[in-house]
Amino acid sequence: MREFLSGKKFNLLFSALAIVVLWAAWLIAYAAVGNDYVVPSFWDTMKSLGALFAEGFFWRSLGMTFLRAAEGWALAFVCAVLTASLAAVSGQVRAFLAPVVAVLRCIPTLAITLMLLLWAGAGTAPVIVTFLMLFPVSYAQLTAAYAAIDPKLFEMSQVYRLSRRERIFRIVVPQMLPSLFAQAGPNLSLAFKVAVSAEVLAFTYVSVGGMMTEANSYLQIPRLFALTIAVLLLGGLLEFALGNLTRITDRWKKGREGRKEK
């Protein structure tokens, strides 16, 4: 336990050191450039960040952006579960989906956003873009998690004549959950960043991306940097919060191991 805590403190120390290095790089860049319209002052950016936190419109925009990101992420995950399930039981379906997923993985975010603006509104386009970006990622993670299941477990299920439902809930789901929980935070954080990028291109009203576009148009560079920092902070909080989901599977595994020992 003592070694674990010391290692954890050691990692926290290096994380803090990385933040200090980034802060120092910002100060050096500001002093070297000497142009507030290129690299704003750190303190001016912090003042803008504090002013943002006092704006009701910012929190409303942040909430709308998060809802768009969460909607795109949830749709991508549900569709990935359905298609990955079909691919797991049918080689033909897996062969059909392979080029589709490859095409979606290679589509440029800028191009698809501009095309969607012709077909969908500025509020809907970020959701669709987020879905298109997250679906290939979620599908690949699900198929990889399924492929990593030990084949001996399926052989054992046949020996004990487990039903399909029992195979799913006693073998497939428990084996895949740790991997899915570990990826939940990074995926939602990525969805949030993609949604903001799409909002910037679409100039979506009542959104963080729309606020960024407005700040850039009026050359409010400290405000633009402050909005960027706010996005980074929320993305980090999402990863940290959802990263704790892995504790559920860790406790579940320990409980199973304890019951086996008894």
C-alpha atoms as a PDB file:
ATOM      1  CA  MET A   1       0.000   0.000   0.000  1.00  0.00           C
ATOM      2  CA  ARG A   2       2.848   2.333   0.881  1.00  0.00           C
ATOM      3  CA  GLU A   3       4.551   1.646  -2.446  1.00  0.00           C
ATOM      4  CA  PHE A   4       1.282   2.310  -4.290  1.00  0.00           C
ATOM      5  CA  LEU A   5       0.794   5.657  -2.565  1.00  0.00           C
ATOM      6  CA  SER A   6       4.383   6.677  -3.173  1.00  0.00           C
ATOM      7  CA  GLY A   7       4.040   5.777  -6.853  1.00  0.00           C
ATOM      8  CA  LYS A   8       0.779   7.708  -7.068  1.00  0.00           C
ATOM      9  CA  LYS A   9       2.352  10.765  -5.482  1.00  0.00           C
ATOM     10  CA  PHE A  10       5.284  10.421  -7.859  1.00  0.00           C
ATOM     11  CA  ASN A  11       2.922  10.464 -10.864  1.00  0.00           C
ATOM     12  CA  LEU A  12       1.052  13.476  -9.481  1.00  0.00           C
ATOM     13  CA  LEU A  13       4.363  15.284  -9.095  1.00  0.00           C
ATOM     14  CA  PHE A  14       5.220  14.748 -12.755  1.00  0.00           C
ATOM     15  CA  SER A  15       1.714  15.818 -13.808  1.00  0.00           C
ATOM     16  CA  ALA A  16       2.145  19.051 -11.864  1.00  0.00           C
ATOM     17  CA  LEU A  17       5.580  19.484 -13.430  1.00  0.00           C
ATOM     18  CA  ALA A  18       4.051  19.144 -16.914  1.00  0.00           C
ATOM     19  CA  ILE A  19       1.549  21.915 -16.091  1.00  0.00           C
ATOM     20  CA  VAL A  20       4.370  24.172 -14.893  1.00  0.00           C
ATOM     21  CA  VAL A  21       6.330  23.498 -18.107  1.00  0.00           C
ATOM     22  CA  LEU A  22       3.301  24.386 -20.257  1.00  0.00           C
ATOM     23  CA  TRP A  23       2.734  27.553 -18.227  1.00  0.00           C
ATOM     24  CA  ALA A  24       6.407  28.536 -18.617  1.00  0.00           C
ATOM     25  CA  ALA A  25       6.224  27.881 -22.373  1.00  0.00           C
ATOM     26  CA  TRP A  26       3.208  30.205 -22.573  1.00  0.00           C
ATOM     27  CA  LEU A  27       5.078  32.974 -20.726  1.00  0.00           C
ATOM     28  CA  ILE A  28       8.145  32.541 -22.944  1.00  0.00           C
ATOM     29  CA  ALA A  29       6.035  32.588 -26.133  1.00  0.00           C
ATOM     30  CA  TYR A  30       4.233  35.737 -24.963  1.00  0.00           C
ATOM     31  CA  ALA A  31       7.531  37.493 -24.207  1.00  0.00           C
ATOM     32  CA  ALA A  32       9.103  36.351 -27.504  1.00  0.00           C
ATOM     33  CA  VAL A  33       6.186  37.288 -29.769  1.00  0.00           C
ATOM     34  CA  GLY A  34       5.268  40.516 -28.047  1.00  0.00           C
ATOM     35  CA  ASN A  35       1.877  40.686 -29.771  1.00  0.00           C
ATOM     36  CA  ASP A  36      -1.340  40.276 -27.789  1.00  0.00           C
ATOM     37  CA  TYR A  37      -3.239  39.438 -30.993  1.00  0.00           C
ATOM     38  CA  VAL A  38      -1.056  36.360 -31.520  1.00  0.00           C
ATOM     39  CA  VAL A  39      -0.292  35.149 -27.979  1.00  0.00           C
ATOM     40  CA  PRO A  40      -2.293  36.878 -25.238  1.00  0.00           C
ATOM     41  CA  SER A  41      -1.063  37.525 -21.743  1.00  0.00           C
ATOM     42  CA  PHE A  42      -1.590  34.704 -19.274  1.00  0.00           C
ATOM     43  CA  TRP A  43      -3.131  37.051 -16.721  1.00  0.00           C
ATOM     44  CA  ASP A  44      -5.460  38.656 -19.285  1.00  0.00           C
ATOM     45  CA  THR A  45      -6.584  35.149 -20.267  1.00  0.00           C
ATOM     46  CA  MET A  46      -7.246  34.249 -16.627  1.00  0.00           C
ATOM     47  CA  LYS A  47      -9.318  37.435 -16.234  1.00  0.00           C
ATOM     48  CA  SER A  48     -11.304  36.484 -19.329  1.00  0.00           C
ATOM     49  CA  LEU A  49     -11.764  32.971 -17.954  1.00  0.00           C
ATOM     50  CA  GLY A  50     -13.105  34.383 -14.688  1.00  0.00           C
ATOM     51  CA  ALA A  51     -15.447  36.664 -16.626  1.00  0.00           C
ATOM     52  CA  LEU A  52     -16.689  33.659 -18.621  1.00  0.00           C
ATOM     53  CA  PHE A  53     -17.559  31.759 -15.458  1.00  0.00           C
ATOM     54  CA  ALA A  54     -19.695  34.738 -14.394  1.00  0.00           C
ATOM     55  CA  GLU A  55     -21.682  34.778 -17.663  1.00  0.00           C
ATOM     56  CA  GLY A  56     -24.998  32.985 -17.761  1.00  0.00           C
ATOM     57  CA  PHE A  57     -24.795  32.723 -21.551  1.00  0.00           C
ATOM     58  CA  PHE A  58     -21.503  30.824 -21.270  1.00  0.00           C
ATOM     59  CA  TRP A  59     -23.013  28.166 -18.998  1.00  0.00           C
ATOM     60  CA  ARG A  60     -26.032  27.888 -21.260  1.00  0.00           C
ATOM     61  CA  SER A  61     -23.762  27.499 -24.289  1.00  0.00           C
ATOM     62  CA  LEU A  62     -21.593  24.983 -22.459  1.00  0.00           C
ATOM     63  CA  GLY A  63     -24.640  22.931 -21.546  1.00  0.00           C
ATOM     64  CA  MET A  64     -25.948  22.934 -25.121  1.00  0.00           C
ATOM     65  CA  THR A  65     -22.535  21.909 -26.473  1.00  0.00           C
ATOM     66  CA  PHE A  66     -22.294  19.098 -23.945  1.00  0.00           C
ATOM     67  CA  LEU A  67     -25.796  17.871 -24.861  1.00  0.00           C
ATOM     68  CA  ARG A  68     -24.859  17.788 -28.559  1.00  0.00           C
ATOM     69  CA  ALA A  69     -21.652  15.918 -27.778  1.00  0.00           C
ATOM     70  CA  ALA A  70     -23.431  13.449 -25.478  1.00  0.00           C
ATOM     71  CA  GLU A  71     -26.164  12.851 -28.053  1.00  0.00           C
ATOM     72  CA  GLY A  72     -23.648  12.122 -30.817  1.00  0.00           C
ATOM     73  CA  TRP A  73     -21.606   9.912 -28.481  1.00  0.00           C
ATOM     74  CA  ALA A  74     -24.655   7.941 -27.316  1.00  0.00           C
ATOM     75  CA  LEU A  75     -25.941   7.418 -30.862  1.00  0.00           C
ATOM     76  CA  ALA A  76     -22.499   6.262 -31.981  1.00  0.00           C
ATOM     77  CA  PHE A  77     -22.229   3.818 -29.082  1.00  0.00           C
ATOM     78  CA  VAL A  78     -25.689   2.325 -29.609  1.00  0.00           C
ATOM     79  CA  CYS A  79     -25.120   1.879 -33.341  1.00  0.00           C
ATOM     80  CA  ALA A  80     -21.656   0.439 -32.668  1.00  0.00           C
ATOM     81  CA  VAL A  81     -23.136  -2.097 -30.224  1.00  0.00           C
ATOM     82  CA  LEU A  82     -25.732  -3.204 -32.770  1.00  0.00           C
ATOM     83  CA  THR A  83     -23.321  -3.472 -35.710  1.00  0.00           C
ATOM     84  CA  ALA A  84     -20.537  -5.071 -33.644  1.00  0.00           C
ATOM     85  CA  SER A  85     -23.014  -7.660 -32.354  1.00  0.00           C
ATOM     86  CA  LEU A  86     -24.029  -8.527 -35.906  1.00  0.00           C
ATOM     87  CA  ALA A  87     -20.388  -8.642 -37.009  1.00  0.00           C
ATOM     88  CA  ALA A  88     -19.567 -11.010 -34.142  1.00  0.00           C
ATOM     89  CA  VAL A  89     -22.065 -13.605 -35.338  1.00  0.00           C
ATOM     90  CA  SER A  90     -21.752 -13.131 -39.102  1.00  0.00           C
ATOM     91  CA  GLY A  91     -18.601 -12.950 -41.188  1.00  0.00           C
ATOM     92  CA  GLN A  92     -20.590 -11.513 -44.093  1.00  0.00           C
ATOM     93  CA  VAL A  93     -21.778  -8.601 -41.975  1.00  0.00           C
ATOM     94  CA  ARG A  94     -18.237  -8.032 -40.736  1.00  0.00           C
ATOM     95  CA  ALA A  95     -16.941  -7.968 -44.328  1.00  0.00           C
ATOM     96  CA  PHE A  96     -19.704  -5.542 -45.340  1.00  0.00           C
ATOM     97  CA  LEU A  97     -19.008  -3.167 -42.452  1.00  0.00           C
ATOM     98  CA  ALA A  98     -15.221  -3.119 -42.885  1.00  0.00           C
ATOM     99  CA  PRO A  99     -15.121  -0.658 -45.845  1.00  0.00           C
ATOM    100  CA  VAL A 100     -17.974   1.411 -44.382  1.00  0.00           C
ATOM    101  CA  VAL A 101     -16.105   1.914 -41.116  1.00  0.00           C
ATOM    102  CA  ALA A 102     -12.868   2.620 -42.992  1.00  0.00           C
ATOM    103  CA  VAL A 103     -14.547   5.357 -45.062  1.00  0.00           C
ATOM    104  CA  LEU A 104     -16.098   6.966 -41.978  1.00  0.00           C
ATOM    105  CA  ARG A 105     -12.729   6.862 -40.217  1.00  0.00           C
ATOM    106  CA  CYS A 106     -11.052   8.741 -43.080  1.00  0.00           C
ATOM    107  CA  ILE A 107     -13.694  11.448 -43.668  1.00  0.00           C
ATOM    108  CA  PRO A 108     -12.230  14.912 -42.879  1.00  0.00           C
ATOM    109  CA  THR A 109     -14.178  16.738 -40.185  1.00  0.00           C
ATOM    110  CA  LEU A 110     -14.067  20.026 -42.125  1.00  0.00           C
ATOM    111  CA  ALA A 111     -15.467  18.523 -45.322  1.00  0.00           C
ATOM    112  CA  ILE A 112     -18.311  16.622 -43.675  1.00  0.00           C
ATOM    113  CA  THR A 113     -19.292  19.651 -41.568  1.00  0.00           C
ATOM    114  CA  LEU A 114     -19.479  21.931 -44.602  1.00  0.00           C
ATOM    115  CA  MET A 115     -21.573  19.376 -46.493  1.00  0.00           C
ATOM    116  CA  LEU A 116     -23.912  18.851 -43.545  1.00  0.00           C
ATOM    117  CA  LEU A 117     -24.550  22.597 -43.335  1.00  0.00           C
ATOM    118  CA  LEU A 118     -26.265  22.284 -46.728  1.00  0.00           C
ATOM    119  CA  TRP A 119     -28.549  19.482 -45.510  1.00  0.00           C
ATOM    120  CA  ALA A 120     -28.970  20.110 -41.782  1.00  0.00           C
ATOM    121  CA  GLY A 121     -29.137  23.103 -39.480  1.00  0.00           C
ATOM    122  CA  ALA A 122     -26.252  24.618 -37.543  1.00  0.00           C
ATOM    123  CA  GLY A 123     -27.567  22.995 -34.361  1.00  0.00           C
ATOM    124  CA  THR A 124     -27.916  19.509 -35.864  1.00  0.00           C
ATOM    125  CA  ALA A 125     -24.673  19.349 -37.855  1.00  0.00           C
ATOM    126  CA  PRO A 126     -22.391  19.060 -34.747  1.00  0.00           C
ATOM    127  CA  VAL A 127     -24.415  16.077 -33.503  1.00  0.00           C
ATOM    128  CA  ILE A 128     -24.105  14.269 -36.853  1.00  0.00           C
ATOM    129  CA  VAL A 129     -20.389  15.078 -37.137  1.00  0.00           C
ATOM    130  CA  THR A 130     -19.786  13.778 -33.607  1.00  0.00           C
ATOM    131  CA  PHE A 131     -21.670  10.595 -34.447  1.00  0.00           C
ATOM    132  CA  LEU A 132     -19.676  10.054 -37.660  1.00  0.00           C
ATOM    133  CA  MET A 133     -16.377  10.598 -35.852  1.00  0.00           C
ATOM    134  CA  LEU A 134     -17.196   8.424 -32.816  1.00  0.00           C
ATOM    135  CA  PHE A 135     -18.931   5.516 -34.528  1.00  0.00           C
ATOM    136  CA  PRO A 136     -15.764   4.018 -36.147  1.00  0.00           C
ATOM    137  CA  VAL A 137     -13.874   4.436 -32.875  1.00  0.00           C
ATOM    138  CA  SER A 138     -16.607   2.766 -30.798  1.00  0.00           C
ATOM    139  CA  TYR A 139     -17.057  -0.022 -33.348  1.00  0.00           C
ATOM    140  CA  ALA A 140     -13.321  -0.784 -33.376  1.00  0.00           C
ATOM    141  CA  GLN A 141     -13.180  -0.823 -29.574  1.00  0.00           C
ATOM    142  CA  LEU A 142     -16.158  -3.171 -29.298  1.00  0.00           C
ATOM    143  CA  THR A 143     -14.863  -5.604 -31.897  1.00  0.00           C
ATOM    144  CA  ALA A 144     -11.408  -5.571 -30.298  1.00  0.00           C
ATOM    145  CA  ALA A 145     -12.881  -6.215 -26.845  1.00  0.00           C
ATOM    146  CA  TYR A 146     -14.937  -9.115 -28.185  1.00  0.00           C
ATOM    147  CA  ALA A 147     -11.950 -10.587 -30.036  1.00  0.00           C
ATOM    148  CA  ALA A 148      -9.917 -10.450 -26.802  1.00  0.00           C
ATOM    149  CA  ILE A 149     -12.285 -12.821 -24.982  1.00  0.00           C
ATOM    150  CA  ASP A 150     -10.634 -16.160 -24.296  1.00  0.00           C
ATOM    151  CA  PRO A 151     -12.112 -18.778 -26.697  1.00  0.00           C
ATOM    152  CA  LYS A 152     -11.851 -21.362 -23.915  1.00  0.00           C
ATOM    153  CA  LEU A 153     -14.655 -19.563 -22.118  1.00  0.00           C
ATOM    154  CA  PHE A 154     -16.991 -20.201 -25.049  1.00  0.00           C
ATOM    155  CA  GLU A 155     -15.869 -23.818 -25.177  1.00  0.00           C
ATOM    156  CA  MET A 156     -16.637 -24.131 -21.481  1.00  0.00           C
ATOM    157  CA  SER A 157     -20.097 -22.610 -22.041  1.00  0.00           C
ATOM    158  CA  GLN A 158     -20.814 -25.307 -24.610  1.00  0.00           C
ATOM    159  CA  VAL A 159     -19.684 -28.028 -22.223  1.00  0.00           C
ATOM    160  CA  TYR A 160     -22.016 -26.739 -19.512  1.00  0.00           C
ATOM    161  CA  ARG A 161     -24.737 -26.088 -22.109  1.00  0.00           C
ATOM    162  CA  LEU A 162     -25.268 -22.446 -21.264  1.00  0.00           C
ATOM    163  CA  SER A 163     -28.029 -20.690 -23.154  1.00  0.00           C
ATOM    164  CA  ARG A 164     -27.252 -17.769 -25.462  1.00  0.00           C
ATOM    165  CA  ARG A 165     -28.565 -15.339 -22.866  1.00  0.00           C
ATOM    166  CA  GLU A 166     -26.311 -16.855 -20.198  1.00  0.00           C
ATOM    167  CA  ARG A 167     -23.304 -16.668 -22.520  1.00  0.00           C
ATOM    168  CA  ILE A 168     -23.951 -12.991 -23.121  1.00  0.00           C
ATOM    169  CA  PHE A 169     -24.441 -11.959 -19.492  1.00  0.00           C
ATOM    170  CA  ARG A 170     -21.986 -14.374 -17.849  1.00  0.00           C
ATOM    171  CA  ILE A 171     -19.139 -14.298 -20.367  1.00  0.00           C
ATOM    172  CA  VAL A 172     -19.365 -11.596 -23.023  1.00  0.00           C
ATOM    173  CA  VAL A 173     -20.571  -8.641 -20.936  1.00  0.00           C
ATOM    174  CA  PRO A 174     -18.261  -9.195 -17.914  1.00  0.00           C
ATOM    175  CA  GLN A 175     -15.251  -9.699 -20.187  1.00  0.00           C
ATOM    176  CA  MET A 176     -15.946  -6.599 -22.292  1.00  0.00           C
ATOM    177  CA  LEU A 177     -17.029  -4.160 -19.586  1.00  0.00           C
ATOM    178  CA  PRO A 178     -13.525  -3.277 -18.256  1.00  0.00           C
ATOM    179  CA  SER A 179     -12.364  -2.236 -21.716  1.00  0.00           C
ATOM    180  CA  LEU A 180     -15.551  -0.287 -22.454  1.00  0.00           C
ATOM    181  CA  PHE A 181     -15.473   1.516 -19.104  1.00  0.00           C
ATOM    182  CA  ALA A 182     -11.824   2.430 -19.647  1.00  0.00           C
ATOM    183  CA  GLN A 183     -12.685   4.012 -23.009  1.00  0.00           C
ATOM    184  CA  ALA A 184     -15.868   5.799 -21.900  1.00  0.00           C
ATOM    185  CA  GLY A 185     -14.091   8.908 -20.568  1.00  0.00           C
ATOM    186  CA  PRO A 186     -11.721   9.449 -23.513  1.00  0.00           C
ATOM    187  CA  ASN A 187     -14.559   8.845 -25.995  1.00  0.00           C
ATOM    188  CA  LEU A 188     -16.900  11.371 -24.396  1.00  0.00           C
ATOM    189  CA  SER A 189     -14.052  13.872 -24.093  1.00  0.00           C
ATOM    190  CA  LEU A 190     -13.275  13.355 -27.787  1.00  0.00           C
ATOM    191  CA  ALA A 191     -16.970  13.781 -28.624  1.00  0.00           C
ATOM    192  CA  PHE A 192     -17.005  17.114 -26.786  1.00  0.00           C
ATOM    193  CA  LYS A 193     -13.953  18.361 -28.685  1.00  0.00           C
ATOM    194  CA  VAL A 194     -15.358  17.234 -32.039  1.00  0.00           C
ATOM    195  CA  ALA A 195     -18.685  18.916 -31.284  1.00  0.00           C
ATOM    196  CA  VAL A 196     -16.925  22.192 -30.445  1.00  0.00           C
ATOM    197  CA  SER A 197     -14.915  22.037 -33.686  1.00  0.00           C
ATOM    198  CA  ALA A 198     -18.102  21.428 -35.689  1.00  0.00           C
ATOM    199  CA  GLU A 199     -19.815  24.318 -33.916  1.00  0.00           C
ATOM    200  CA  VAL A 200     -16.930  26.607 -34.848  1.00  0.00           C
ATOM    201  CA  LEU A 201     -17.297  25.720 -38.522  1.00  0.00           C
ATOM    202  CA  ALA A 202     -21.108  25.880 -38.429  1.00  0.00           C
ATOM    203  CA  PHE A 203     -21.148  29.041 -36.254  1.00  0.00           C
ATOM    204  CA  THR A 204     -23.795  27.377 -34.100  1.00  0.00           C
ATOM    205  CA  TYR A 205     -25.715  29.815 -31.931  1.00  0.00           C
ATOM    206  CA  VAL A 206     -25.743  29.153 -28.172  1.00  0.00           C
ATOM    207  CA  SER A 207     -22.622  26.993 -28.215  1.00  0.00           C
ATOM    208  CA  VAL A 208     -19.014  27.147 -27.092  1.00  0.00           C
ATOM    209  CA  GLY A 209     -17.902  26.863 -30.726  1.00  0.00           C
ATOM    210  CA  GLY A 210     -20.103  29.802 -31.685  1.00  0.00           C
ATOM    211  CA  MET A 211     -18.594  31.864 -28.861  1.00  0.00           C
ATOM    212  CA  MET A 212     -15.124  30.974 -30.141  1.00  0.00           C
ATOM    213  CA  THR A 213     -16.014  32.103 -33.666  1.00  0.00           C
ATOM    214  CA  GLU A 214     -17.421  35.370 -32.324  1.00  0.00           C
ATOM    215  CA  ALA A 215     -14.351  36.008 -30.178  1.00  0.00           C
ATOM    216  CA  ASN A 216     -12.071  35.365 -33.149  1.00  0.00           C
ATOM    217  CA  SER A 217     -14.135  37.676 -35.389  1.00  0.00           C
ATOM    218  CA  TYR A 218     -13.810  40.557 -32.903  1.00  0.00           C
ATOM    219  CA  LEU A 219     -10.132  39.756 -32.192  1.00  0.00           C
ATOM    220  CA  GLN A 220     -10.882  39.006 -28.528  1.00  0.00           C
ATOM    221  CA  ILE A 221      -7.872  36.701 -28.286  1.00  0.00           C
ATOM    222  CA  PRO A 222      -7.751  36.399 -24.451  1.00  0.00           C
ATOM    223  CA  ARG A 223     -11.425  35.395 -24.533  1.00  0.00           C
ATOM    224  CA  LEU A 224     -10.683  32.863 -27.286  1.00  0.00           C
ATOM    225  CA  PHE A 225      -7.867  31.351 -25.236  1.00  0.00           C
ATOM    226  CA  ALA A 226     -10.109  31.334 -22.151  1.00  0.00           C
ATOM    227  CA  LEU A 227     -12.796  29.411 -24.045  1.00  0.00           C
ATOM    228  CA  THR A 228     -10.157  26.934 -25.196  1.00  0.00           C
ATOM    229  CA  ILE A 229      -8.992  26.421 -21.603  1.00  0.00           C
ATOM    230  CA  ALA A 230     -12.613  25.896 -20.514  1.00  0.00           C
ATOM    231  CA  VAL A 231     -12.985  23.147 -23.153  1.00  0.00           C
ATOM    232  CA  LEU A 232      -9.776  21.509 -21.960  1.00  0.00           C
ATOM    233  CA  LEU A 233     -10.908  21.641 -18.339  1.00  0.00           C
ATOM    234  CA  LEU A 234     -14.278  20.074 -19.095  1.00  0.00           C
ATOM    235  CA  GLY A 235     -12.662  17.384 -21.246  1.00  0.00           C
ATOM    236  CA  GLY A 236     -10.271  16.560 -18.424  1.00  0.00           C
ATOM    237  CA  LEU A 237     -13.104  16.441 -15.886  1.00  0.00           C
ATOM    238  CA  LEU A 238     -15.089  14.078 -18.110  1.00  0.00           C
ATOM    239  CA  GLU A 239     -12.132  11.719 -18.464  1.00  0.00           C
ATOM    240  CA  PHE A 240     -11.455  11.810 -14.725  1.00  0.00           C
ATOM    241  CA  ALA A 241     -15.098  11.267 -13.732  1.00  0.00           C
ATOM    242  CA  LEU A 242     -15.778   8.436 -16.156  1.00  0.00           C
ATOM    243  CA  GLY A 243     -12.358   6.957 -15.491  1.00  0.00           C
ATOM    244  CA  ASN A 244     -13.667   5.919 -12.077  1.00  0.00           C
ATOM    245  CA  LEU A 245     -16.051   3.497 -13.788  1.00  0.00           C
ATOM    246  CA  THR A 246     -13.203   0.991 -13.931  1.00  0.00           C
ATOM    247  CA  ARG A 247     -13.424   0.709 -10.144  1.00  0.00           C
ATOM    248  CA  ILE A 248     -16.778  -1.026 -10.612  1.00  0.00           C
ATOM    249  CA  THR A 249     -15.245  -3.832 -12.653  1.00  0.00           C
ATOM    250  CA  ASP A 250     -12.232  -3.995 -10.313  1.00  0.00           C
ATOM    251  CA  ARG A 251     -14.519  -4.547  -7.313  1.00  0.00           C
ATOM    252  CA  TRP A 252     -16.553  -7.065  -9.294  1.00  0.00           C
ATOM    253  CA  LYS A 253     -13.419  -9.029 -10.173  1.00  0.00           C
ATOM    254  CA  LYS A 254     -12.182  -8.963  -6.574  1.00  0.00           C
ATOM    255  CA  GLY A 255     -15.578 -10.158  -5.395  1.00  0.00           C
ATOM    256  CA  ARG A 256     -15.514 -13.070  -7.818  1.00  0.00           C
ATOM    257  CA  GLU A 257     -11.975 -13.994  -6.854  1.00  0.00           C
ATOM    258  CA  GLY A 258     -12.932 -13.873  -3.175  1.00  0.00           C
ATOM    259  CA  ARG A 259     -15.903 -16.167  -3.744  1.00  0.00           C
ATOM    260  CA  LYS A 260     -13.714 -18.621  -5.667  1.00  0.00           C
ATOM    261  CA  GLU A 261     -11.178 -18.763  -2.840  1.00  0.00           C
ATOM    262  CA  LYS A 262     -13.950 -19.580  -0.359  1.00  0.00           C
END
